[in-house]
C-alpha atoms as a PDB file:
ATOM      1  CA  MET A   1       0.000   0.000   0.000  1.00  0.00           C
ATOM      2  CA  SER A   2       1.336   3.422  -0.933  1.00  0.00           C
ATOM      3  CA  VAL A   3       0.711   6.670   0.935  1.00  0.00           C
ATOM      4  CA  CYS A   4       0.099   9.915  -0.935  1.00  0.00           C
ATOM      5  CA  ALA A   5       2.721  12.466   0.062  1.00  0.00           C
ATOM      6  CA  ARG A   6       0.302  15.300  -0.663  1.00  0.00           C
ATOM      7  CA  CYS A   7      -2.728  14.264   1.415  1.00  0.00           C
ATOM      8  CA  GLY A   8      -1.765  11.095   3.308  1.00  0.00           C
ATOM      9  CA  ALA A   9      -4.397   8.882   1.664  1.00  0.00           C
ATOM     10  CA  THR A  10      -3.511   5.235   1.091  1.00  0.00           C
ATOM     11  CA  PHE A  11      -3.794   3.817  -2.421  1.00  0.00           C
ATOM     12  CA  ILE A  12      -2.414   1.070  -4.659  1.00  0.00           C
ATOM     13  CA  CYS A  13       0.443   2.024  -6.998  1.00  0.00           C
ATOM     14  CA  ALA A  14       1.050  -0.855  -9.402  1.00  0.00           C
ATOM     15  CA  MET A  15       4.664   0.247  -9.908  1.00  0.00           C
ATOM     16  CA  ALA A  16       5.490   0.287  -6.210  1.00  0.00           C
ATOM     17  CA  ASP A  17       2.950  -2.154  -4.761  1.00  0.00           C
ATOM     18  CA  GLY A  18       2.227  -4.533  -7.637  1.00  0.00           C
ATOM     19  CA  ASP A  19       4.128  -7.335  -9.307  1.00  0.00           C
ATOM     20  CA  GLY A  20       4.578  -5.491 -12.610  1.00  0.00           C
ATOM     21  CA  SER A  21       2.005  -7.569 -14.476  1.00  0.00           C
ATOM     22  CA  GLU A  22      -0.542  -4.746 -14.644  1.00  0.00           C
ATOM     23  CA  PRO A  23      -0.047  -1.093 -15.596  1.00  0.00           C
ATOM     24  CA  CYS A  24      -0.596   1.459 -12.871  1.00  0.00           C
ATOM     25  CA  TRP A  25      -3.931   3.312 -12.742  1.00  0.00           C
ATOM     26  CA  CYS A  26      -2.070   6.557 -13.497  1.00  0.00           C
ATOM     27  CA  ALA A  27      -0.997   5.259 -16.920  1.00  0.00           C
ATOM     28  CA  SER A  28      -4.535   5.894 -18.200  1.00  0.00           C
ATOM     29  CA  LEU A  29      -4.502   9.576 -17.170  1.00  0.00           C
ATOM     30  CA  PRO A  30      -3.140  12.513 -19.193  1.00  0.00           C
ATOM     31  CA  LEU A  31       0.617  13.068 -18.905  1.00  0.00           C
ATOM     32  CA  VAL A  32       1.292  16.157 -16.797  1.00  0.00           C
ATOM     33  CA  MET A  33       4.417  15.200 -14.876  1.00  0.00           C
ATOM     34  CA  PRO A  34       7.118  12.542 -14.980  1.00  0.00           C
ATOM     35  CA  VAL A  35       6.717   9.272 -13.143  1.00  0.00           C
ATOM     36  CA  PRO A  36       8.842   9.419  -9.997  1.00  0.00           C
ATOM     37  CA  PRO A  37      11.680   6.961  -9.427  1.00  0.00           C
ATOM     38  CA  LEU A  38      10.684   3.844  -7.482  1.00  0.00           C
ATOM     39  CA  SER A  39      13.340   4.437  -4.857  1.00  0.00           C
ATOM     40  CA  SER A  40      13.203   7.810  -3.145  1.00  0.00           C
ATOM     41  CA  GLY A  41      16.986   7.678  -2.759  1.00  0.00           C
ATOM     42  CA  ALA A  42      17.659   7.144  -6.454  1.00  0.00           C
ATOM     43  CA  PRO A  43      18.735  10.251  -8.357  1.00  0.00           C
ATOM     44  CA  ALA A  44      16.436  11.333 -11.176  1.00  0.00           C
ATOM     45  CA  SER A  45      17.852  11.032 -14.662  1.00  0.00           C
ATOM     46  CA  ALA A  46      18.196  14.046 -16.954  1.00  0.00           C
ATOM     47  CA  SER A  47      15.555  12.598 -19.273  1.00  0.00           C
ATOM     48  CA  MET A  48      13.083  11.848 -16.476  1.00  0.00           C
ATOM     49  CA  PRO A  49      13.455  14.361 -13.653  1.00  0.00           C
ATOM     50  CA  ALA A  50      11.408  13.887 -10.511  1.00  0.00           C
ATOM     51  CA  PRO A  51       8.652  16.456  -9.903  1.00  0.00           C
ATOM     52  CA  ALA A  52      10.154  19.556  -8.328  1.00  0.00           C
ATOM     53  CA  GLU A  53       7.636  19.810  -5.491  1.00  0.00           C
ATOM     54  CA  ASP A  54       7.288  16.172  -4.493  1.00  0.00           C
ATOM     55  CA  PRO A  55       9.102  13.182  -6.010  1.00  0.00           C
ATOM     56  CA  SER A  56       6.671  10.554  -4.690  1.00  0.00           C
ATOM     57  CA  CYS A  57       3.482   9.092  -6.153  1.00  0.00           C
ATOM     58  CA  TRP A  58       0.198  10.870  -5.572  1.00  0.00           C
ATOM     59  CA  CYS A  59      -3.193   9.276  -4.946  1.00  0.00           C
ATOM     60  CA  PRO A  60      -5.821   9.314  -7.706  1.00  0.00           C
ATOM     61  CA  ASP A  61      -7.652  12.310  -6.210  1.00  0.00           C
ATOM     62  CA  CYS A  62      -4.510  14.468  -5.880  1.00  0.00           C
ATOM     63  CA  LEU A  63      -3.212  13.572  -9.346  1.00  0.00           C
ATOM     64  CA  LYS A  64      -6.599  14.233 -10.977  1.00  0.00           C
ATOM     65  CA  ARG A  65      -6.860  17.556  -9.134  1.00  0.00           C
ATOM     66  CA  HIS A  66      -3.342  18.468 -10.328  1.00  0.00           C
ATOM     67  CA  ILE A  67      -4.276  17.574 -13.922  1.00  0.00           C
ATOM     68  CA  ALA A  68      -7.401  19.759 -13.740  1.00  0.00           C
ATOM     69  CA  THR A  69      -5.486  22.677 -12.197  1.00  0.00           C
ATOM     70  CA  THR A  70      -2.646  22.410 -14.726  1.00  0.00           C
ATOM     71  CA  SER A  71      -5.082  22.245 -17.636  1.00  0.00           C
ATOM     72  CA  ALA A  72      -7.022  25.274 -16.381  1.00  0.00           C
ATOM     73  CA  ALA A  73      -3.849  27.301 -15.775  1.00  0.00           C
ATOM     74  CA  THR A  74      -2.370  26.648 -19.203  1.00  0.00           C
ATOM     75  CA  GLY A  75      -5.625  26.688 -21.125  1.00  0.00           C
ATOM     76  CA  ALA A  76      -4.551  23.539 -22.940  1.00  0.00           C
ATOM     77  CA  ALA A  77      -5.640  19.964 -22.566  1.00  0.00           C
ATOM     78  CA  PRO A  78      -2.882  17.673 -21.276  1.00  0.00           C
ATOM     79  CA  ALA A  79      -1.553  14.976 -23.610  1.00  0.00           C
ATOM     80  CA  ASN A  80      -3.178  11.578 -23.293  1.00  0.00           C
ATOM     81  CA  PRO A  81      -0.942   8.520 -23.097  1.00  0.00           C
ATOM     82  CA  GLU A  82      -0.989   6.223 -26.097  1.00  0.00           C
END
Protein backbone atom coordinates (compact mmCIF):
# COMPACT_ATOMS: atom_id res chain seq x y z
CA MET A 1 0.00 0.00 0.00
CA SER A 2 1.34 3.42 -0.93
CA VAL A 3 0.71 6.67 0.94
CA CYS A 4 0.10 9.92 -0.94
CA ALA A 5 2.72 12.47 0.06
CA ARG A 6 0.30 15.30 -0.66
CA CYS A 7 -2.73 14.26 1.42
CA GLY A 8 -1.76 11.09 3.31
CA ALA A 9 -4.40 8.88 1.66
CA THR A 10 -3.51 5.23 1.09
CA PHE A 11 -3.79 3.82 -2.42
CA ILE A 12 -2.41 1.07 -4.66
CA CYS A 13 0.44 2.02 -7.00
CA ALA A 14 1.05 -0.86 -9.40
CA MET A 15 4.66 0.25 -9.91
CA ALA A 16 5.49 0.29 -6.21
CA ASP A 17 2.95 -2.15 -4.76
CA GLY A 18 2.23 -4.53 -7.64
CA ASP A 19 4.13 -7.33 -9.31
CA GLY A 20 4.58 -5.49 -12.61
CA SER A 21 2.00 -7.57 -14.48
CA GLU A 22 -0.54 -4.75 -14.64
CA PRO A 23 -0.05 -1.09 -15.60
CA CYS A 24 -0.60 1.46 -12.87
CA TRP A 25 -3.93 3.31 -12.74
CA CYS A 26 -2.07 6.56 -13.50
CA ALA A 27 -1.00 5.26 -16.92
CA SER A 28 -4.54 5.89 -18.20
CA LEU A 29 -4.50 9.58 -17.17
CA PRO A 30 -3.14 12.51 -19.19
CA LEU A 31 0.62 13.07 -18.91
CA VAL A 32 1.29 16.16 -16.80
CA MET A 33 4.42 15.20 -14.88
CA PRO A 34 7.12 12.54 -14.98
CA VAL A 35 6.72 9.27 -13.14
CA PRO A 36 8.84 9.42 -10.00
CA PRO A 37 11.68 6.96 -9.43
CA LEU A 38 10.68 3.84 -7.48
CA SER A 39 13.34 4.44 -4.86
CA SER A 40 13.20 7.81 -3.14
CA GLY A 41 16.99 7.68 -2.76
CA ALA A 42 17.66 7.14 -6.45
CA PRO A 43 18.74 10.25 -8.36
CA ALA A 44 16.44 11.33 -11.18
CA SER A 45 17.85 11.03 -14.66
CA ALA A 46 18.20 14.05 -16.95
CA SER A 47 15.56 12.60 -19.27
CA MET A 48 13.08 11.85 -16.48
CA PRO A 49 13.45 14.36 -13.65
CA ALA A 50 11.41 13.89 -10.51
CA PRO A 51 8.65 16.46 -9.90
CA ALA A 52 10.15 19.56 -8.33
CA GLU A 53 7.64 19.81 -5.49
CA ASP A 54 7.29 16.17 -4.49
CA PRO A 55 9.10 13.18 -6.01
CA SER A 56 6.67 10.55 -4.69
CA CYS A 57 3.48 9.09 -6.15
CA TRP A 58 0.20 10.87 -5.57
CA CYS A 59 -3.19 9.28 -4.95
CA PRO A 60 -5.82 9.31 -7.71
CA ASP A 61 -7.65 12.31 -6.21
CA CYS A 62 -4.51 14.47 -5.88
CA LEU A 63 -3.21 13.57 -9.35
CA LYS A 64 -6.60 14.23 -10.98
CA ARG A 65 -6.86 17.56 -9.13
CA HIS A 66 -3.34 18.47 -10.33
CA ILE A 67 -4.28 17.57 -13.92
CA ALA A 68 -7.40 19.76 -13.74
CA THR A 69 -5.49 22.68 -12.20
CA THR A 70 -2.65 22.41 -14.73
CA SER A 71 -5.08 22.24 -17.64
CA ALA A 72 -7.02 25.27 -16.38
CA ALA A 73 -3.85 27.30 -15.77
CA THR A 74 -2.37 26.65 -19.20
CA GLY A 75 -5.62 26.69 -21.13
CA ALA A 76 -4.55 23.54 -22.94
CA ALA A 77 -5.64 19.96 -22.57
CA PRO A 78 -2.88 17.67 -21.28
CA ALA A 79 -1.55 14.98 -23.61
CA ASN A 80 -3.18 11.58 -23.29
CA PRO A 81 -0.94 8.52 -23.10
CA GLU A 82 -0.99 6.22 -26.10
